[in-house]
Amino acid sequence: YCDNVNSVLSGAGGPQGGPWSVLVERGGNYEIALRRWPAHTDLPLNAACPEKQMTVASLPAGKALPIARARLTIAGHDLSAKTADTDKAAVFRVSLKSGTKTQLHAWFQDAAGTDLCGAYYAYVRRL
């Protein structure tokens, strides 16, 4: 979840974004899907977001970024995955122990491994 739409649209927030604090209530295997844009937009990770007309005003177009990799750290896991131009999410699977207090930190990189921006959205589900 991100509550500053202008930061998401411009890719602001630092090259690695910031972590989320997490308490794992139920241990098990989890799927974590990292996204630049919210799932309902159905946009690829590296795409620009079109301008959107709202009731009173409009939201500006979102900046395209050359995303080619995703990184995820959580509970001692340090994972990386390549992404394709058409990918809408980078999906990771991790095993987490019940009662673990940790941080989920996720961000995107270009093809050279340069950090670009944080993953603004993380969709987590227990498998």
Foldseek 3Di string as FASTA:
>chain_A
DDDPVVCLQAQDQDLFHDWDKDAAAAWAKKKKWFASDDVVQLAARQDKAPWAQDPPGIRHIGHGDQFFKKWKDKPHDTDMDGDDRNHRTDMDMDTDDHGDIIIITMFTDHPVRGRRHTRRDMDMDHD
